[in-house]
């Protein structure tokens, strides 16, 4: 699908009327799509797990952070490429700070600024709150000819959200432990598995067998194979089930320190209540 072009205010109003940048959950439509803008790294459309819709992620770093958000049980909704309206408010913020407001290339039309992620999460007091996150590679924040301009745009965004009482922050690749990013992307492939592997009896037998095995002097694949045999599973299905149950936190282990390797040592892990985990995964 061809990318959109903005030349007049009528273009912006038309896309707002079409629902871009509007809605919540499955009804939300990101303001920017992968076909609309050049990206740093690999842009992609990703099917959501928390919400059943396609997400438009414009870089590898956006994807990595998105996976972290999906893994969090506190996150309720994720809205990517979220537009900051009304533009007139942002222009006033810029003017008060003597910042030149950005325009669409080749036009005098004020640019529609966006925040990479607007996250709805469950707070400790039981309410839902918002957090706005801008995703930047750390190189973009290092001294350079373009740094001052980058910081100016970030200041407009920061002030916009602060005025609304929304927590705003910057996420870089340094914010996400490399092992966590690698592990979650590996596990996410099995967040959804065949219904046959979702049977509580199979999962109970698999976990009981894992729990009974001595991890000493064994590699992870060996323990998964043995546990799979106890649950009458082929080895490949046993791997799928292991990854699925780690993603859904039936199996808890340290994902931040080192990458999970089937050929590596068995990590220390513990189990949560299987019935509760099963109910959550099936919901």
Protein backbone atom coordinates (compact mmCIF):
# COMPACT_ATOMS: atom_id res chain seq x y z
CA UNK A 1 0.00 0.00 0.00
CA UNK A 2 1.35 3.42 -0.96
CA UNK A 3 2.44 5.77 1.80
CA UNK A 4 0.41 8.88 2.56
CA UNK A 5 1.55 12.42 1.79
CA UNK A 6 0.59 15.52 3.76
CA UNK A 7 0.44 18.80 1.85
CA UNK A 8 -2.44 20.73 3.41
CA UNK A 9 -4.44 20.86 6.63
CA UNK A 10 -7.26 19.18 4.71
CA UNK A 11 -5.05 16.08 4.35
CA UNK A 12 -4.53 15.93 8.12
CA UNK A 13 -8.22 16.40 8.86
CA UNK A 14 -9.17 13.71 6.35
CA UNK A 15 -6.90 11.15 7.96
CA UNK A 16 -8.15 12.07 11.43
CA UNK A 17 -11.70 11.55 10.17
CA UNK A 18 -10.64 8.15 8.82
CA UNK A 19 -9.58 7.13 12.33
CA UNK A 20 -5.80 7.45 12.14
CA UNK A 21 -4.40 8.12 15.59
CA UNK A 22 -7.81 7.43 17.13
CA UNK A 23 -9.31 4.72 19.31
CA UNK A 24 -8.07 2.20 21.85
CA UNK A 25 -7.34 -1.50 21.87
CA UNK A 26 -8.23 -3.31 18.67
CA UNK A 27 -9.87 -0.16 17.29
CA UNK A 28 -6.73 1.97 17.41
CA UNK A 29 -5.12 2.98 14.11
CA UNK A 30 -1.55 4.32 14.36
CA UNK A 31 -0.96 7.73 12.84
CA UNK A 32 2.13 6.50 11.01
CA UNK A 33 2.37 3.17 9.22
CA UNK A 34 5.47 1.36 8.04
CA UNK A 35 4.78 2.46 4.46
CA UNK A 36 4.49 6.12 5.43
CA UNK A 37 8.02 6.81 6.69
CA UNK A 38 11.62 5.65 6.20
CA UNK A 39 12.87 3.73 9.21
CA UNK A 40 16.14 2.97 10.98
CA UNK A 41 16.59 -0.77 10.78
CA UNK A 42 13.85 -3.18 9.82
CA UNK A 43 10.32 -1.83 10.01
CA UNK A 44 7.60 -4.45 10.37
CA UNK A 45 3.96 -5.17 11.00
CA UNK A 46 3.48 -7.43 13.99
CA UNK A 47 0.35 -9.24 15.11
CA UNK A 48 -0.40 -8.27 18.69
CA UNK A 49 -0.79 -10.74 21.54
CA UNK A 50 -2.47 -8.51 24.12
CA UNK A 51 -4.66 -6.83 21.51
CA UNK A 52 -5.78 -8.47 18.28
CA UNK A 53 -4.50 -6.06 15.64
CA UNK A 54 -1.40 -5.35 13.57
CA UNK A 55 1.20 -3.07 15.10
CA UNK A 56 3.38 -0.80 12.95
CA UNK A 57 6.92 -0.76 14.33
CA UNK A 58 9.50 1.38 12.59
CA UNK A 59 12.80 -0.06 13.82
CA UNK A 60 14.37 -3.09 15.46
CA UNK A 61 14.51 -1.12 18.70
CA UNK A 62 10.78 -0.35 18.57
CA UNK A 63 10.12 -4.06 18.08
CA UNK A 64 12.40 -4.99 20.98
CA UNK A 65 10.63 -2.57 23.32
CA UNK A 66 7.21 -3.64 22.08
CA UNK A 67 8.01 -7.26 22.99
CA UNK A 68 9.05 -6.17 26.49
CA UNK A 69 5.73 -4.33 26.87
CA UNK A 70 3.75 -7.35 25.70
CA UNK A 71 5.55 -9.58 28.20
CA UNK A 72 4.62 -7.31 31.11
CA UNK A 73 1.48 -8.34 32.98
CA UNK A 74 0.93 -4.72 34.00
CA UNK A 75 0.53 -3.46 30.44
CA UNK A 76 -3.08 -3.33 29.26
CA UNK A 77 -2.84 -1.53 25.91
CA UNK A 78 -0.09 -0.33 23.59
CA UNK A 79 -0.66 2.45 21.07
CA UNK A 80 2.24 3.05 18.72
CA UNK A 81 2.96 6.14 16.56
CA UNK A 82 0.52 8.18 18.65
CA UNK A 83 -0.18 11.71 17.28
CA UNK A 84 0.06 14.78 19.49
CA UNK A 85 -2.99 16.96 18.92
CA UNK A 86 -3.91 19.74 18.77
CA UNK A 87 -0.86 20.90 16.85
CA UNK A 88 -1.56 24.50 17.88
CA UNK A 89 -0.76 23.60 21.51
CA UNK A 90 2.61 22.19 20.48
CA UNK A 91 3.34 25.26 18.39
CA UNK A 92 2.74 27.42 21.47
CA UNK A 93 5.12 25.21 23.47
CA UNK A 94 7.76 25.62 20.76
CA UNK A 95 7.23 29.37 20.46
CA UNK A 96 7.63 29.89 24.21
CA UNK A 97 11.02 28.17 23.99
CA UNK A 98 12.15 29.82 20.76
CA UNK A 99 12.09 26.47 18.99
CA UNK A 100 11.42 26.36 15.28
CA UNK A 101 8.42 24.08 14.82
CA UNK A 102 8.94 21.32 12.23
CA UNK A 103 7.01 21.30 8.96
CA UNK A 104 6.22 18.66 6.39
CA UNK A 105 8.93 18.56 3.74
CA UNK A 106 8.33 20.99 0.90
CA UNK A 107 5.36 22.67 2.60
CA UNK A 108 4.47 25.32 5.17
CA UNK A 109 2.24 22.80 6.95
CA UNK A 110 3.01 22.21 10.63
CA UNK A 111 4.22 18.66 11.16
CA UNK A 112 2.17 16.21 13.20
CA UNK A 113 4.49 15.12 16.00
CA UNK A 114 4.07 11.60 17.36
CA UNK A 115 5.11 9.63 20.41
CA UNK A 116 6.43 6.17 19.63
CA UNK A 117 4.41 4.43 22.35
CA UNK A 118 1.50 5.45 24.54
CA UNK A 119 1.15 2.66 27.09
CA UNK A 120 -1.83 1.95 29.32
CA UNK A 121 -0.77 0.03 32.41
CA UNK A 122 -2.17 -1.15 35.71
CA UNK A 123 -0.80 0.89 38.62
CA UNK A 124 -0.12 -0.56 42.06
CA UNK A 125 -3.29 1.08 43.39
CA UNK A 126 -5.42 -0.83 40.89
CA UNK A 127 -6.12 2.07 38.53
CA UNK A 128 -5.01 2.30 34.91
CA UNK A 129 -2.54 5.01 33.99
CA UNK A 130 -0.68 6.20 30.91
CA UNK A 131 3.01 6.36 30.12
CA UNK A 132 4.48 7.93 27.00
CA UNK A 133 7.75 6.55 25.68
CA UNK A 134 9.99 7.83 22.92
CA UNK A 135 12.34 5.26 21.40
CA UNK A 136 15.75 6.47 20.27
CA UNK A 137 19.01 4.74 19.48
CA UNK A 138 21.67 6.11 21.82
CA UNK A 139 23.72 7.31 18.85
CA UNK A 140 21.01 9.88 18.13
CA UNK A 141 21.62 11.40 21.59
CA UNK A 142 25.38 11.73 21.20
CA UNK A 143 27.05 15.04 20.31
CA UNK A 144 26.53 15.78 16.63
CA UNK A 145 25.34 18.50 14.28
CA UNK A 146 21.76 17.23 14.58
CA UNK A 147 21.69 16.76 18.36
CA UNK A 148 20.41 20.24 19.21
CA UNK A 149 17.48 19.85 16.82
CA UNK A 150 16.71 16.40 18.19
CA UNK A 151 16.67 17.73 21.75
CA UNK A 152 14.39 20.59 20.75
CA UNK A 153 11.78 18.21 19.36
CA UNK A 154 12.08 16.01 22.44
CA UNK A 155 11.53 19.03 24.67
CA UNK A 156 8.27 19.83 22.87
CA UNK A 157 7.12 16.25 23.33
CA UNK A 158 8.23 16.09 26.96
CA UNK A 159 6.42 19.29 27.91
CA UNK A 160 3.26 18.23 26.08
CA UNK A 161 2.94 15.05 28.13
CA UNK A 162 4.08 16.64 31.39
CA UNK A 163 1.32 19.22 31.10
CA UNK A 164 -1.17 16.35 30.82
CA UNK A 165 0.21 14.58 33.88
CA UNK A 166 1.52 11.66 31.82
CA UNK A 167 4.90 10.13 32.66
CA UNK A 168 7.24 10.57 29.69
CA UNK A 169 10.62 9.00 29.09
CA UNK A 170 13.18 7.95 26.50
CA UNK A 171 13.98 4.31 25.78
CA UNK A 172 17.27 3.41 24.10
CA UNK A 173 18.86 0.06 23.34
CA UNK A 174 20.79 0.57 26.60
CA UNK A 175 17.48 0.49 28.50
CA UNK A 176 16.81 -3.12 27.53
CA UNK A 177 19.22 -5.85 28.70
CA UNK A 178 20.47 -7.62 25.53
CA UNK A 179 19.76 -11.06 26.98
CA UNK A 180 16.19 -10.07 27.89
CA UNK A 181 15.53 -8.78 24.38
CA UNK A 182 16.93 -11.91 22.75
CA UNK A 183 15.11 -14.26 25.11
CA UNK A 184 11.73 -12.57 24.81
CA UNK A 185 11.88 -12.50 21.02
CA UNK A 186 12.74 -16.22 21.04
CA UNK A 187 9.95 -17.06 23.49
CA UNK A 188 7.33 -14.88 21.83
CA UNK A 189 7.34 -17.17 18.79
CA UNK A 190 5.52 -19.70 20.96
CA UNK A 191 3.20 -17.38 22.88
CA UNK A 192 0.38 -19.05 20.94
CA UNK A 193 0.57 -22.81 20.39
CA UNK A 194 -1.67 -25.58 19.11
CA UNK A 195 -4.67 -26.34 21.32
CA UNK A 196 -3.32 -29.82 21.89
CA UNK A 197 -0.45 -28.38 23.91
CA UNK A 198 -2.85 -26.29 25.98
CA UNK A 199 -4.39 -29.29 27.73
CA UNK A 200 -3.82 -28.98 31.50
CA UNK A 201 -3.02 -32.67 31.82
CA UNK A 202 -0.16 -32.43 29.34
CA UNK A 203 1.17 -29.27 30.97
CA UNK A 204 0.98 -30.79 34.46
CA UNK A 205 2.89 -33.90 33.39
CA UNK A 206 5.49 -31.78 31.62
CA UNK A 207 6.07 -29.53 34.64
CA UNK A 208 6.07 -32.45 37.10
CA UNK A 209 8.77 -34.13 35.05
CA UNK A 210 10.84 -30.96 34.80
CA UNK A 211 10.54 -30.47 38.55
CA UNK A 212 11.77 -34.00 39.26
CA UNK A 213 14.91 -33.73 37.13
CA UNK A 214 18.28 -32.88 38.61
CA UNK A 215 19.71 -30.05 36.48
CA UNK A 216 23.30 -30.90 37.37
CA UNK A 217 25.49 -31.93 34.43
CA UNK A 218 22.64 -31.66 31.94
CA UNK A 219 21.89 -29.30 29.13
CA UNK A 220 18.49 -27.69 28.75
CA UNK A 221 17.51 -29.66 25.67
CA UNK A 222 18.06 -32.95 27.52
CA UNK A 223 15.70 -32.00 30.34
CA UNK A 224 13.09 -30.74 27.90
CA UNK A 225 13.32 -33.99 25.94
CA UNK A 226 12.87 -36.12 29.09
CA UNK A 227 9.98 -33.98 30.33
CA UNK A 228 8.41 -34.16 26.89
CA UNK A 229 8.61 -37.94 26.89
CA UNK A 230 6.85 -37.99 30.26
CA UNK A 231 4.06 -35.91 28.72
CA UNK A 232 4.03 -38.09 25.56
CA UNK A 233 5.28 -35.26 23.38
CA UNK A 234 7.64 -35.21 20.43
CA UNK A 235 10.82 -33.28 21.16
CA UNK A 236 9.85 -30.35 18.92
CA UNK A 237 6.49 -30.05 20.67
CA UNK A 238 8.23 -30.21 24.05
CA UNK A 239 10.38 -27.22 23.04
CA UNK A 240 7.28 -25.33 21.93
CA UNK A 241 5.57 -26.05 25.23
CA UNK A 242 8.60 -25.04 27.28
CA UNK A 243 8.87 -21.70 25.46
CA UNK A 244 5.11 -21.16 25.74
CA UNK A 245 5.08 -21.78 29.47
CA UNK A 246 8.04 -19.48 30.09
CA UNK A 247 6.35 -16.72 28.10
CA UNK A 248 3.11 -17.17 30.07
CA UNK A 249 5.09 -17.38 33.34
CA UNK A 250 4.10 -20.88 34.32
CA UNK A 251 7.87 -21.38 34.42
CA UNK A 252 9.78 -18.50 36.03
CA UNK A 253 13.47 -18.00 35.37
CA UNK A 254 16.03 -15.23 34.97
CA UNK A 255 15.66 -13.85 31.46
CA UNK A 256 17.90 -10.80 31.92
CA UNK A 257 21.30 -12.25 32.72
CA UNK A 258 22.07 -14.65 29.89
CA UNK A 259 20.48 -15.87 26.65
CA UNK A 260 18.55 -19.12 26.86
CA UNK A 261 20.26 -21.82 24.86
CA UNK A 262 18.92 -25.31 24.25
CA UNK A 263 22.56 -26.42 24.20
CA UNK A 264 23.32 -24.49 27.39
CA UNK A 265 23.12 -25.47 31.04
CA UNK A 266 19.73 -25.83 32.66
CA UNK A 267 18.84 -22.47 34.26
CA UNK A 268 17.38 -22.22 37.72
CA UNK A 269 13.61 -21.95 37.55
CA UNK A 270 10.49 -22.29 39.63
CA UNK A 271 6.84 -22.82 38.83
CA UNK A 272 3.75 -20.70 39.38
CA UNK A 273 0.26 -22.04 39.95
CA UNK A 274 -0.41 -23.94 36.74
CA UNK A 275 -4.19 -23.59 36.81
CA UNK A 276 -4.00 -19.81 37.15
CA UNK A 277 -1.36 -19.59 34.40
CA UNK A 278 -3.43 -21.78 32.13
CA UNK A 279 -6.54 -19.66 32.65
CA UNK A 280 -4.58 -16.47 31.90
CA UNK A 281 -3.01 -17.87 28.74
CA UNK A 282 -6.36 -19.11 27.42
CA UNK A 283 -8.19 -15.85 28.13
